[in-house]
């Protein structure tokens, strides 16, 4: 019994290589940074880290301190960027020269100054997740312990991090009202709101670095802008507006999962039971449709099957679909992510730990034990029994 991720190996690798090359083509100082956080996008962190090292030199990004520790234990000669702000007490066991920590508050800056090591500072963008606004960031860098640690070389800034929204912001956060006058007007006018936000922050960051008075090597190292969720065209526009800054595009979903044609998920049929119309089935003893056949397949809650995040319904159609699904579940019916002969099957009841019970309707050819059903999953929340390279 296996819930398996099947990968069209050459197609998948070619796509990842094309994404990295596309980022590099946006400017002379632009490079991709592979993100392998969470469950490794369904593949596993260590596997993706190994692939990332083949795709591009440079650091690899993870989500948390625990993920960094696991990756550094397996790959001790790489640099790891921790994307989430960290409590500096949690990273004392990690190598300071290989670990780049994200700092998103003045308190975090002071803790980093005390410990030393490498950091990126997070600017507060229109995503409003975490980060410092320009006043907080300028004030934090001016604090005496921080300035002393930078001057002594105990603390190293590896750049400014900007986590931008996936949708174009209607109210981009821009550090100063004068930024537009300082940037090329044609580039600014042609840019998207998301790119303008990155341009404004990047320009402001160069002014902050000028005031810090860092030695030239340290200043050059700090004049890096780490960006998420920019298209290549937006990255090129930002690079054109900020020719002195190096750009690092953090790539996760676009790098590993965007080529959906190269990925397929299968679930193995473990049992098939013709059910009489008067019989009830499962833990909750529910009746099934007349003439249906009960099929047991691999894939349950331990795999992440049947678990869903709240719907991001923005259009009326999306809202109607979400409302319809909720109404069906209220009556005890739920559509499964499993498909057989192109048809989505209904759950007989909520998924079990390792398997799911499904109804194959009357008139449809019944699968046999050992057959495979296609399954649609959210890769970032799914754990597979096997990854099959084809």
Foldseek 3Di string as FASTA:
>chain_A
DFWEKEFQPVVLLVLLLVVQVLQCVLDVQGGEAEEQEFQRLQPRSQVVVVSRVVRDAAAHEYADLVVVVVNCVVVVPAAYEHDDADDVVSCPVPDLARYEHEHAFLVSLLNCLVQFGHYAAEEQKPVRPTHHHPVGVLVSCPDPSNLVSQQVVRHAYQEYEYEFDLDQDPDIDARDPCQCVVWDVVLCVPATNRLNSLLRVLVVVLVSLVVSPHPPVRSLSHLEYEYENDDSVSSSSSCVRRVSGRYYYYDYCSNRPPPVVRIWIKKFWADKAFDAQVFFDDPVRHGDDHRKIKIKIWDFVLFPFPDDDDDPDDDPVSVVVVVVQVVCVVVVKHWGQWDDPRDTWIFSHHGDNTITITIDHPPDDDDDGGDIITGDDRSSRGHTPYYHYD
